[in-house]
Amino acid sequence: MNRAKGSAERIREVHALPVEDSAPAAIRRAAPSPRPTTAPAPAPAPAPALEIRDLRFGYRPDAPVLQGLSLTVPPHALVALVGPSGAGKSTTFALINRFYEPWSGTLRIDGRPAADLGLAEWRSHIAWVEQHCPLLHGTLRDNLCYAAPEATDERLWQVLDLVNLTRKVDRLPEGLDTEVGERGVRLSSGERQRIAIARAVLARPRLLLLDEPTAHLDPANEAALTVTMHSLRKECALLVIAHRMSTIEAADSVVMLADGTTSAAGTYPELLRTHPDFRRLSGQRQ
């Protein structure tokens, strides 16, 4: 009875949460409909997968967390986001997912500003894999497909190949229809991590957010996941909160945050050569 009472109280708390306004900001402002125009000329180069300009935000009005953050994630690139604790990395991910609206600044995905897109459309371009990614009770197919129920077996095997899990699934007693157990207990932590990434990629995002994906992996699984991240660039761009040097070294570019802003950006060798704070963060000496 007490367990049921506690569960009912939690359900009431969830129902009492405020509901997000999913309409684009332009509609919320009741802006007049734009005049019909001719189709624009093709862009000379693809727009960045993600572009952030002068982003400012805080959880309290008197305590800003981001203070003019700017960064760009090119199409099909792997960008590592690094910095000390409290620099604003997790807050940046929260704003990219639009769990909060910034005080000022702009976010664009594929060149389209967040203000022009409703939450559902904006988030349809983004997938997010957190540090802890437990699986649900059910089959491997269930866990892969719940965000993309129309996915074919061909597509499922394609994403499993991207995350280097085809041989593992081939060895399972019932393949894709094998039960994974409560929270995926029948699989290793590295396998659960890669299944979570495959599930995210299955929805064909434009941008994949990874929150320290190697944090709980042993060296062998860490090396395998580094290879996986390179393969994933065929599908989408990646922005990775990184602390492990293997992830940082593998990135096409590194953005270092400090005090809520971009303190440095460049390749790993460039920052190691030119930026003392990055050398200290990476444990390297000049």
C-alpha atoms as a PDB file:
ATOM      1  CA  MET A   1       0.000   0.000   0.000  1.00  0.00           C
ATOM      2  CA  ASN A   2       2.787   2.401   0.886  1.00  0.00           C
ATOM      3  CA  ARG A   3       4.608   1.651  -2.397  1.00  0.00           C
ATOM      4  CA  ALA A   4       1.402   2.240  -4.349  1.00  0.00           C
ATOM      5  CA  LYS A   5       0.813   5.471  -2.438  1.00  0.00           C
ATOM      6  CA  GLY A   6       4.317   6.684  -3.263  1.00  0.00           C
ATOM      7  CA  SER A   7       3.869   5.820  -6.933  1.00  0.00           C
ATOM      8  CA  ALA A   8       0.541   7.638  -7.077  1.00  0.00           C
ATOM      9  CA  GLU A   9       2.137  10.721  -5.528  1.00  0.00           C
ATOM     10  CA  ARG A  10       4.885  10.661  -8.177  1.00  0.00           C
ATOM     11  CA  ILE A  11       2.269  10.382 -10.936  1.00  0.00           C
ATOM     12  CA  ARG A  12       0.479  13.433  -9.520  1.00  0.00           C
ATOM     13  CA  GLU A  13       3.778  15.342  -9.491  1.00  0.00           C
ATOM     14  CA  VAL A  14       4.407  14.502 -13.142  1.00  0.00           C
ATOM     15  CA  HIS A  15       0.897  15.568 -14.179  1.00  0.00           C
ATOM     16  CA  ALA A  16       1.418  18.870 -12.327  1.00  0.00           C
ATOM     17  CA  LEU A  17       4.549  19.752 -14.311  1.00  0.00           C
ATOM     18  CA  PRO A  18       4.168  22.706 -16.699  1.00  0.00           C
ATOM     19  CA  VAL A  19       3.564  21.787 -20.333  1.00  0.00           C
ATOM     20  CA  GLU A  20       6.010  23.040 -22.955  1.00  0.00           C
ATOM     21  CA  ASP A  21       4.733  25.438 -25.592  1.00  0.00           C
ATOM     22  CA  SER A  22       5.736  23.584 -28.739  1.00  0.00           C
ATOM     23  CA  ALA A  23       4.755  26.284 -31.254  1.00  0.00           C
ATOM     24  CA  PRO A  24       7.531  28.229 -33.007  1.00  0.00           C
ATOM     25  CA  ALA A  25       8.296  31.596 -31.430  1.00  0.00           C
ATOM     26  CA  ALA A  26       7.151  33.393 -34.580  1.00  0.00           C
ATOM     27  CA  ILE A  27       3.682  31.870 -34.193  1.00  0.00           C
ATOM     28  CA  ARG A  28       3.613  32.630 -30.469  1.00  0.00           C
ATOM     29  CA  ARG A  29       4.282  36.273 -31.349  1.00  0.00           C
ATOM     30  CA  ALA A  30       1.377  36.114 -33.822  1.00  0.00           C
ATOM     31  CA  ALA A  31       3.602  37.347 -36.596  1.00  0.00           C
ATOM     32  CA  PRO A  32       1.914  38.065 -39.933  1.00  0.00           C
ATOM     33  CA  SER A  33       2.315  35.476 -42.639  1.00  0.00           C
ATOM     34  CA  PRO A  34       5.282  36.209 -44.891  1.00  0.00           C
ATOM     35  CA  ARG A  35       4.668  37.230 -48.481  1.00  0.00           C
ATOM     36  CA  PRO A  36       5.193  34.542 -51.089  1.00  0.00           C
ATOM     37  CA  THR A  37       8.675  34.678 -52.511  1.00  0.00           C
ATOM     38  CA  THR A  38      10.541  32.883 -55.227  1.00  0.00           C
ATOM     39  CA  ALA A  39      12.602  29.906 -54.223  1.00  0.00           C
ATOM     40  CA  PRO A  40      16.051  30.945 -52.951  1.00  0.00           C
ATOM     41  CA  ALA A  41      19.129  30.070 -54.928  1.00  0.00           C
ATOM     42  CA  PRO A  42      20.970  26.962 -53.758  1.00  0.00           C
ATOM     43  CA  ALA A  43      23.494  27.649 -51.013  1.00  0.00           C
ATOM     44  CA  PRO A  44      27.131  27.375 -52.127  1.00  0.00           C
ATOM     45  CA  ALA A  45      27.897  25.116 -49.147  1.00  0.00           C
ATOM     46  CA  PRO A  46      25.794  23.127 -46.694  1.00  0.00           C
ATOM     47  CA  ALA A  47      24.820  24.954 -43.532  1.00  0.00           C
ATOM     48  CA  PRO A  48      26.405  23.844 -40.263  1.00  0.00           C
ATOM     49  CA  ALA A  49      24.603  21.044 -38.483  1.00  0.00           C
ATOM     50  CA  LEU A  50      24.575  23.314 -35.417  1.00  0.00           C
ATOM     51  CA  GLU A  51      25.487  26.944 -34.974  1.00  0.00           C
ATOM     52  CA  ILE A  52      25.442  28.775 -31.630  1.00  0.00           C
ATOM     53  CA  ARG A  53      26.103  32.500 -31.472  1.00  0.00           C
ATOM     54  CA  ASP A  54      26.595  34.625 -28.331  1.00  0.00           C
ATOM     55  CA  LEU A  55      24.410  32.414 -26.143  1.00  0.00           C
ATOM     56  CA  ARG A  56      23.638  33.770 -22.684  1.00  0.00           C
ATOM     57  CA  PHE A  57      21.698  31.913 -20.014  1.00  0.00           C
ATOM     58  CA  GLY A  58      21.438  31.220 -16.291  1.00  0.00           C
ATOM     59  CA  TYR A  59      19.129  29.285 -14.014  1.00  0.00           C
ATOM     60  CA  ARG A  60      18.775  32.387 -11.819  1.00  0.00           C
ATOM     61  CA  PRO A  61      18.716  35.994 -13.037  1.00  0.00           C
ATOM     62  CA  ASP A  62      21.687  36.897 -10.840  1.00  0.00           C
ATOM     63  CA  ALA A  63      23.818  33.853 -11.735  1.00  0.00           C
ATOM     64  CA  PRO A  64      24.638  33.525 -15.457  1.00  0.00           C
ATOM     65  CA  VAL A  65      26.050  30.154 -16.522  1.00  0.00           C
ATOM     66  CA  LEU A  66      26.674  30.847 -20.222  1.00  0.00           C
ATOM     67  CA  GLN A  67      28.121  34.252 -21.036  1.00  0.00           C
ATOM     68  CA  GLY A  68      28.396  34.669 -24.780  1.00  0.00           C
ATOM     69  CA  LEU A  69      29.013  31.084 -25.869  1.00  0.00           C
ATOM     70  CA  SER A  70      29.622  30.527 -29.591  1.00  0.00           C
ATOM     71  CA  LEU A  71      30.453  27.307 -31.432  1.00  0.00           C
ATOM     72  CA  THR A  72      29.838  25.597 -34.767  1.00  0.00           C
ATOM     73  CA  VAL A  73      29.443  21.915 -35.597  1.00  0.00           C
ATOM     74  CA  PRO A  74      30.013  21.343 -39.344  1.00  0.00           C
ATOM     75  CA  PRO A  75      28.085  18.616 -41.196  1.00  0.00           C
ATOM     76  CA  HIS A  76      29.406  15.097 -40.511  1.00  0.00           C
ATOM     77  CA  ALA A  77      32.051  16.374 -38.083  1.00  0.00           C
ATOM     78  CA  LEU A  78      33.015  15.136 -34.621  1.00  0.00           C
ATOM     79  CA  VAL A  79      33.403  18.059 -32.219  1.00  0.00           C
ATOM     80  CA  ALA A  80      34.531  17.559 -28.618  1.00  0.00           C
ATOM     81  CA  LEU A  81      33.254  19.930 -25.922  1.00  0.00           C
ATOM     82  CA  VAL A  82      35.711  20.109 -23.022  1.00  0.00           C
ATOM     83  CA  GLY A  83      36.277  22.189 -19.928  1.00  0.00           C
ATOM     84  CA  PRO A  84      36.430  22.036 -16.128  1.00  0.00           C
ATOM     85  CA  SER A  85      33.402  21.233 -13.996  1.00  0.00           C
ATOM     86  CA  GLY A  86      30.956  24.132 -13.955  1.00  0.00           C
ATOM     87  CA  ALA A  87      32.134  25.542 -17.294  1.00  0.00           C
ATOM     88  CA  GLY A  88      28.657  25.110 -18.834  1.00  0.00           C
ATOM     89  CA  LYS A  89      28.911  21.901 -20.881  1.00  0.00           C
ATOM     90  CA  SER A  90      25.747  20.238 -19.554  1.00  0.00           C
ATOM     91  CA  THR A  91      23.870  23.548 -19.692  1.00  0.00           C
ATOM     92  CA  THR A  92      24.877  23.878 -23.344  1.00  0.00           C
ATOM     93  CA  PHE A  93      23.348  20.462 -24.067  1.00  0.00           C
ATOM     94  CA  ALA A  94      20.171  21.446 -22.191  1.00  0.00           C
ATOM     95  CA  LEU A  95      19.808  24.560 -24.357  1.00  0.00           C
ATOM     96  CA  ILE A  96      20.521  22.657 -27.582  1.00  0.00           C
ATOM     97  CA  ASN A  97      17.685  20.300 -26.603  1.00  0.00           C
ATOM     98  CA  ARG A  98      15.607  23.397 -25.771  1.00  0.00           C
ATOM     99  CA  PHE A  99      14.768  22.293 -22.250  1.00  0.00           C
ATOM    100  CA  TYR A 100      15.309  25.998 -21.498  1.00  0.00           C
ATOM    101  CA  GLU A 101      15.203  29.108 -23.651  1.00  0.00           C
ATOM    102  CA  PRO A 102      18.322  31.322 -23.642  1.00  0.00           C
ATOM    103  CA  TRP A 103      18.319  34.879 -22.348  1.00  0.00           C
ATOM    104  CA  SER A 104      19.865  36.010 -25.622  1.00  0.00           C
ATOM    105  CA  GLY A 105      21.792  34.678 -28.577  1.00  0.00           C
ATOM    106  CA  THR A 106      20.812  32.309 -31.377  1.00  0.00           C
ATOM    107  CA  LEU A 107      20.750  28.579 -32.061  1.00  0.00           C
ATOM    108  CA  ARG A 108      20.482  27.308 -35.615  1.00  0.00           C
ATOM    109  CA  ILE A 109      20.231  23.799 -36.960  1.00  0.00           C
ATOM    110  CA  ASP A 110      20.827  23.334 -40.695  1.00  0.00           C
ATOM    111  CA  GLY A 111      20.836  27.128 -40.893  1.00  0.00           C
ATOM    112  CA  ARG A 112      17.302  27.417 -39.461  1.00  0.00           C
ATOM    113  CA  PRO A 113      16.898  29.434 -36.239  1.00  0.00           C
ATOM    114  CA  ALA A 114      15.278  27.800 -33.239  1.00  0.00           C
ATOM    115  CA  ALA A 115      12.672  30.576 -33.109  1.00  0.00           C
ATOM    116  CA  ASP A 116      11.277  29.411 -36.475  1.00  0.00           C
ATOM    117  CA  LEU A 117      10.827  25.779 -35.430  1.00  0.00           C
ATOM    118  CA  GLY A 118       8.470  24.189 -32.944  1.00  0.00           C
ATOM    119  CA  LEU A 119       9.941  21.935 -30.283  1.00  0.00           C
ATOM    120  CA  ALA A 120       8.880  18.723 -32.005  1.00  0.00           C
ATOM    121  CA  GLU A 121      10.421  19.721 -35.330  1.00  0.00           C
ATOM    122  CA  TRP A 122      13.598  21.050 -33.688  1.00  0.00           C
ATOM    123  CA  ARG A 123      14.093  17.889 -31.640  1.00  0.00           C
ATOM    124  CA  SER A 124      13.396  15.665 -34.629  1.00  0.00           C
ATOM    125  CA  HIS A 125      16.804  16.794 -35.933  1.00  0.00           C
ATOM    126  CA  ILE A 126      18.607  15.921 -32.688  1.00  0.00           C
ATOM    127  CA  ALA A 127      19.356  12.706 -30.804  1.00  0.00           C
ATOM    128  CA  TRP A 128      20.850  12.632 -27.319  1.00  0.00           C
ATOM    129  CA  VAL A 129      22.614   9.765 -25.562  1.00  0.00           C
ATOM    130  CA  GLU A 130      23.266  10.374 -21.876  1.00  0.00           C
ATOM    131  CA  GLN A 131      26.010   8.864 -19.728  1.00  0.00           C
ATOM    132  CA  HIS A 132      23.612   6.314 -18.240  1.00  0.00           C
ATOM    133  CA  CYS A 133      21.570   4.625 -20.934  1.00  0.00           C
ATOM    134  CA  PRO A 134      19.712   1.650 -19.471  1.00  0.00           C
ATOM    135  CA  LEU A 135      17.707  -0.481 -21.834  1.00  0.00           C
ATOM    136  CA  LEU A 136      14.049  -1.317 -21.336  1.00  0.00           C
ATOM    137  CA  HIS A 137      12.618  -4.724 -20.545  1.00  0.00           C
ATOM    138  CA  GLY A 138      11.870  -6.432 -23.857  1.00  0.00           C
ATOM    139  CA  THR A 139      13.710  -7.562 -26.947  1.00  0.00           C
ATOM    140  CA  LEU A 140      16.655  -5.935 -28.635  1.00  0.00           C
ATOM    141  CA  ARG A 141      14.341  -5.016 -31.522  1.00  0.00           C
ATOM    142  CA  ASP A 142      11.953  -3.289 -29.075  1.00  0.00           C
ATOM    143  CA  ASN A 143      14.799  -1.246 -27.633  1.00  0.00           C
ATOM    144  CA  LEU A 144      16.062  -0.181 -31.016  1.00  0.00           C
ATOM    145  CA  CYS A 145      12.724   0.629 -32.630  1.00  0.00           C
ATOM    146  CA  TYR A 146      10.646   2.496 -30.088  1.00  0.00           C
ATOM    147  CA  ALA A 147      11.703   5.867 -31.537  1.00  0.00           C
ATOM    148  CA  ALA A 148      11.521   4.599 -35.135  1.00  0.00           C
ATOM    149  CA  PRO A 149       8.856   1.865 -35.230  1.00  0.00           C
ATOM    150  CA  GLU A 150       8.785   1.851 -39.036  1.00  0.00           C
ATOM    151  CA  ALA A 151      12.471   0.830 -39.309  1.00  0.00           C
ATOM    152  CA  THR A 152      13.127  -2.188 -41.518  1.00  0.00           C
ATOM    153  CA  ASP A 153      15.398  -5.079 -40.608  1.00  0.00           C
ATOM    154  CA  GLU A 154      17.826  -3.858 -43.269  1.00  0.00           C
ATOM    155  CA  ARG A 155      18.060  -0.492 -41.528  1.00  0.00           C
ATOM    156  CA  LEU A 156      18.424  -2.148 -38.116  1.00  0.00           C
ATOM    157  CA  TRP A 157      21.384  -4.206 -39.311  1.00  0.00           C
ATOM    158  CA  GLN A 158      22.862  -1.107 -40.915  1.00  0.00           C
ATOM    159  CA  VAL A 159      22.953   0.846 -37.638  1.00  0.00           C
ATOM    160  CA  LEU A 160      24.159  -2.224 -35.735  1.00  0.00           C
ATOM    161  CA  ASP A 161      27.041  -2.439 -38.186  1.00  0.00           C
ATOM    162  CA  LEU A 162      27.815   1.246 -37.574  1.00  0.00           C
ATOM    163  CA  VAL A 163      28.214   0.578 -33.858  1.00  0.00           C
ATOM    164  CA  ASN A 164      30.089  -2.706 -34.417  1.00  0.00           C
ATOM    165  CA  LEU A 165      27.435  -4.985 -32.921  1.00  0.00           C
ATOM    166  CA  THR A 166      26.512  -7.244 -35.839  1.00  0.00           C
ATOM    167  CA  ARG A 167      28.630 -10.192 -34.680  1.00  0.00           C
ATOM    168  CA  LYS A 168      27.280  -9.869 -31.143  1.00  0.00           C
ATOM    169  CA  VAL A 169      23.654  -9.890 -32.348  1.00  0.00           C
ATOM    170  CA  ASP A 170      24.393 -12.800 -34.713  1.00  0.00           C
ATOM    171  CA  ARG A 171      25.496 -14.841 -31.685  1.00  0.00           C
ATOM    172  CA  LEU A 172      22.362 -14.097 -29.636  1.00  0.00           C
ATOM    173  CA  PRO A 173      19.956 -17.054 -29.406  1.00  0.00           C
ATOM    174  CA  GLU A 174      17.106 -15.242 -31.172  1.00  0.00           C
ATOM    175  CA  GLY A 175      18.978 -12.420 -32.873  1.00  0.00           C
ATOM    176  CA  LEU A 176      17.062  -9.163 -32.835  1.00  0.00           C
ATOM    177  CA  ASP A 177      14.219 -10.812 -30.944  1.00  0.00           C
ATOM    178  CA  THR A 178      16.383 -11.824 -27.978  1.00  0.00           C
ATOM    179  CA  GLU A 179      15.205 -10.551 -24.585  1.00  0.00           C
ATOM    180  CA  VAL A 180      17.761  -8.149 -23.073  1.00  0.00           C
ATOM    181  CA  GLY A 181      16.500  -8.394 -19.476  1.00  0.00           C
ATOM    182  CA  GLU A 182      15.553  -5.646 -17.052  1.00  0.00           C
ATOM    183  CA  ARG A 183      17.682  -2.566 -17.853  1.00  0.00           C
ATOM    184  CA  GLY A 184      19.630  -4.652 -20.364  1.00  0.00           C
ATOM    185  CA  VAL A 185      21.234  -6.796 -17.653  1.00  0.00           C
ATOM    186  CA  ARG A 186      22.070  -9.555 -20.158  1.00  0.00           C
ATOM    187  CA  LEU A 187      24.415  -7.240 -22.048  1.00  0.00           C
ATOM    188  CA  SER A 188      27.696  -5.604 -21.027  1.00  0.00           C
ATOM    189  CA  SER A 189      27.948  -1.871 -20.282  1.00  0.00           C
ATOM    190  CA  GLY A 190      29.776  -1.301 -23.571  1.00  0.00           C
ATOM    191  CA  GLU A 191      27.105  -3.161 -25.511  1.00  0.00           C
ATOM    192  CA  ARG A 192      24.318  -1.205 -23.807  1.00  0.00           C
ATOM    193  CA  GLN A 193      26.112   2.030 -24.658  1.00  0.00           C
ATOM    194  CA  ARG A 194      26.416   1.106 -28.321  1.00  0.00           C
ATOM    195  CA  ILE A 195      22.792  -0.063 -28.515  1.00  0.00           C
ATOM    196  CA  ALA A 196      21.712   3.303 -27.116  1.00  0.00           C
ATOM    197  CA  ILE A 197      23.742   5.027 -29.836  1.00  0.00           C
ATOM    198  CA  ALA A 198      22.300   2.737 -32.526  1.00  0.00           C
ATOM    199  CA  ARG A 199      18.800   3.546 -31.265  1.00  0.00           C
ATOM    200  CA  ALA A 200      19.553   7.269 -31.516  1.00  0.00           C
ATOM    201  CA  VAL A 201      21.014   6.988 -35.024  1.00  0.00           C
ATOM    202  CA  LEU A 202      18.051   4.903 -36.209  1.00  0.00           C
ATOM    203  CA  ALA A 203      15.874   8.041 -36.087  1.00  0.00           C
ATOM    204  CA  ARG A 204      18.233   9.698 -38.624  1.00  0.00           C
ATOM    205  CA  PRO A 205      19.144  12.814 -36.618  1.00  0.00           C
ATOM    206  CA  ARG A 206      21.066  15.686 -38.118  1.00  0.00           C
ATOM    207  CA  LEU A 207      23.026  16.086 -34.879  1.00  0.00           C
ATOM    208  CA  LEU A 208      23.938  13.440 -32.283  1.00  0.00           C
ATOM    209  CA  LEU A 209      24.728  14.649 -28.744  1.00  0.00           C
ATOM    210  CA  LEU A 210      26.863  12.309 -26.635  1.00  0.00           C
ATOM    211  CA  ASP A 211      27.384  13.081 -22.949  1.00  0.00           C
ATOM    212  CA  GLU A 212      30.763  11.579 -21.987  1.00  0.00           C
ATOM    213  CA  PRO A 213      30.052   8.271 -23.736  1.00  0.00           C
ATOM    214  CA  THR A 214      33.264   6.587 -22.532  1.00  0.00           C
ATOM    215  CA  ALA A 215      32.893   7.512 -18.838  1.00  0.00           C
ATOM    216  CA  HIS A 216      31.963   4.013 -17.640  1.00  0.00           C
ATOM    217  CA  LEU A 217      33.783   1.881 -20.191  1.00  0.00           C
ATOM    218  CA  ASP A 218      36.913  -0.230 -19.844  1.00  0.00           C
ATOM    219  CA  PRO A 219      39.862   0.523 -22.190  1.00  0.00           C
ATOM    220  CA  ALA A 220      38.826  -2.102 -24.766  1.00  0.00           C
ATOM    221  CA  ASN A 221      35.249  -0.800 -25.016  1.00  0.00           C
ATOM    222  CA  GLU A 222      36.523   2.775 -24.981  1.00  0.00           C
ATOM    223  CA  ALA A 223      38.709   2.061 -28.017  1.00  0.00           C
ATOM    224  CA  ALA A 224      35.790   0.326 -29.773  1.00  0.00           C
ATOM    225  CA  LEU A 225      33.498   3.284 -29.123  1.00  0.00           C
ATOM    226  CA  THR A 226      36.087   5.708 -30.513  1.00  0.00           C
ATOM    227  CA  VAL A 227      36.044   3.737 -33.767  1.00  0.00           C
ATOM    228  CA  THR A 228      32.237   3.754 -33.652  1.00  0.00           C
ATOM    229  CA  MET A 229      32.104   7.545 -33.378  1.00  0.00           C
ATOM    230  CA  HIS A 230      34.170   7.878 -36.532  1.00  0.00           C
ATOM    231  CA  SER A 231      31.779   5.552 -38.364  1.00  0.00           C
ATOM    232  CA  LEU A 232      28.781   7.560 -37.176  1.00  0.00           C
ATOM    233  CA  ARG A 233      29.964  10.626 -39.083  1.00  0.00           C
ATOM    234  CA  LYS A 234      28.611   8.985 -42.227  1.00  0.00           C
ATOM    235  CA  GLU A 235      25.131   9.467 -40.731  1.00  0.00           C
ATOM    236  CA  CYS A 236      25.269  12.759 -38.823  1.00  0.00           C
ATOM    237  CA  ALA A 237      27.370  15.336 -37.019  1.00  0.00           C
ATOM    238  CA  LEU A 238      28.446  14.630 -33.436  1.00  0.00           C
ATOM    239  CA  LEU A 239      28.911  16.965 -30.474  1.00  0.00           C
ATOM    240  CA  VAL A 240      30.498  15.116 -27.559  1.00  0.00           C
ATOM    241  CA  ILE A 241      31.062  16.212 -23.966  1.00  0.00           C
ATOM    242  CA  ALA A 242      34.475  14.661 -23.440  1.00  0.00           C
ATOM    243  CA  HIS A 243      36.834  14.112 -20.538  1.00  0.00           C
ATOM    244  CA  ARG A 244      38.778  11.094 -21.774  1.00  0.00           C
ATOM    245  CA  MET A 245      41.766  11.981 -23.940  1.00  0.00           C
ATOM    246  CA  SER A 246      40.943   9.222 -26.437  1.00  0.00           C
ATOM    247  CA  THR A 247      37.711  11.041 -27.337  1.00  0.00           C
ATOM    248  CA  ILE A 248      39.374  14.452 -27.492  1.00  0.00           C
ATOM    249  CA  GLU A 249      42.237  13.242 -29.671  1.00  0.00           C
ATOM    250  CA  ALA A 250      39.796  11.565 -32.081  1.00  0.00           C
ATOM    251  CA  ALA A 251      37.737  14.742 -32.620  1.00  0.00           C
ATOM    252  CA  ASP A 252      37.948  16.831 -35.787  1.00  0.00           C
ATOM    253  CA  SER A 253      37.906  19.927 -33.588  1.00  0.00           C
ATOM    254  CA  VAL A 254      37.849  20.736 -29.877  1.00  0.00           C
ATOM    255  CA  VAL A 255      35.883  23.555 -28.220  1.00  0.00           C
ATOM    256  CA  MET A 256      37.052  24.450 -24.717  1.00  0.00           C
ATOM    257  CA  LEU A 257      34.654  26.173 -22.335  1.00  0.00           C
ATOM    258  CA  ALA A 258      35.646  28.295 -19.361  1.00  0.00           C
ATOM    259  CA  ASP A 259      33.372  30.517 -17.282  1.00  0.00           C
ATOM    260  CA  GLY A 260      30.453  29.994 -19.634  1.00  0.00           C
ATOM    261  CA  THR A 261      32.128  31.032 -22.857  1.00  0.00           C
ATOM    262  CA  THR A 262      34.413  29.622 -25.543  1.00  0.00           C
ATOM    263  CA  SER A 263      37.973  30.079 -24.382  1.00  0.00           C
ATOM    264  CA  ALA A 264      39.608  28.207 -27.250  1.00  0.00           C
ATOM    265  CA  ALA A 265      38.746  26.205 -30.355  1.00  0.00           C
ATOM    266  CA  GLY A 266      40.868  24.200 -32.760  1.00  0.00           C
ATOM    267  CA  THR A 267      42.289  20.758 -33.361  1.00  0.00           C
ATOM    268  CA  TYR A 268      43.817  18.762 -30.525  1.00  0.00           C
ATOM    269  CA  PRO A 269      47.448  19.381 -31.660  1.00  0.00           C
ATOM    270  CA  GLU A 270      46.762  23.110 -32.147  1.00  0.00           C
ATOM    271  CA  LEU A 271      45.322  23.591 -28.675  1.00  0.00           C
ATOM    272  CA  LEU A 272      48.024  21.474 -27.099  1.00  0.00           C
ATOM    273  CA  ARG A 273      50.612  23.699 -28.739  1.00  0.00           C
ATOM    274  CA  THR A 274      49.028  27.121 -28.175  1.00  0.00           C
ATOM    275  CA  HIS A 275      46.693  27.016 -25.177  1.00  0.00           C
ATOM    276  CA  PRO A 276      48.161  26.607 -21.637  1.00  0.00           C
ATOM    277  CA  ASP A 277      44.773  25.919 -20.009  1.00  0.00           C
ATOM    278  CA  PHE A 278      44.109  23.110 -22.464  1.00  0.00           C
ATOM    279  CA  ARG A 279      47.530  21.604 -21.744  1.00  0.00           C
ATOM    280  CA  ARG A 280      46.743  21.662 -18.029  1.00  0.00           C
ATOM    281  CA  LEU A 281      43.321  20.111 -18.643  1.00  0.00           C
ATOM    282  CA  SER A 282      44.829  17.334 -20.730  1.00  0.00           C
ATOM    283  CA  GLY A 283      47.627  16.714 -18.205  1.00  0.00           C
ATOM    284  CA  GLN A 284      50.324  17.646 -20.713  1.00  0.00           C
ATOM    285  CA  ARG A 285      53.309  19.880 -20.040  1.00  0.00           C
ATOM    286  CA  GLN A 286      54.778  22.403 -22.399  1.00  0.00           C
END
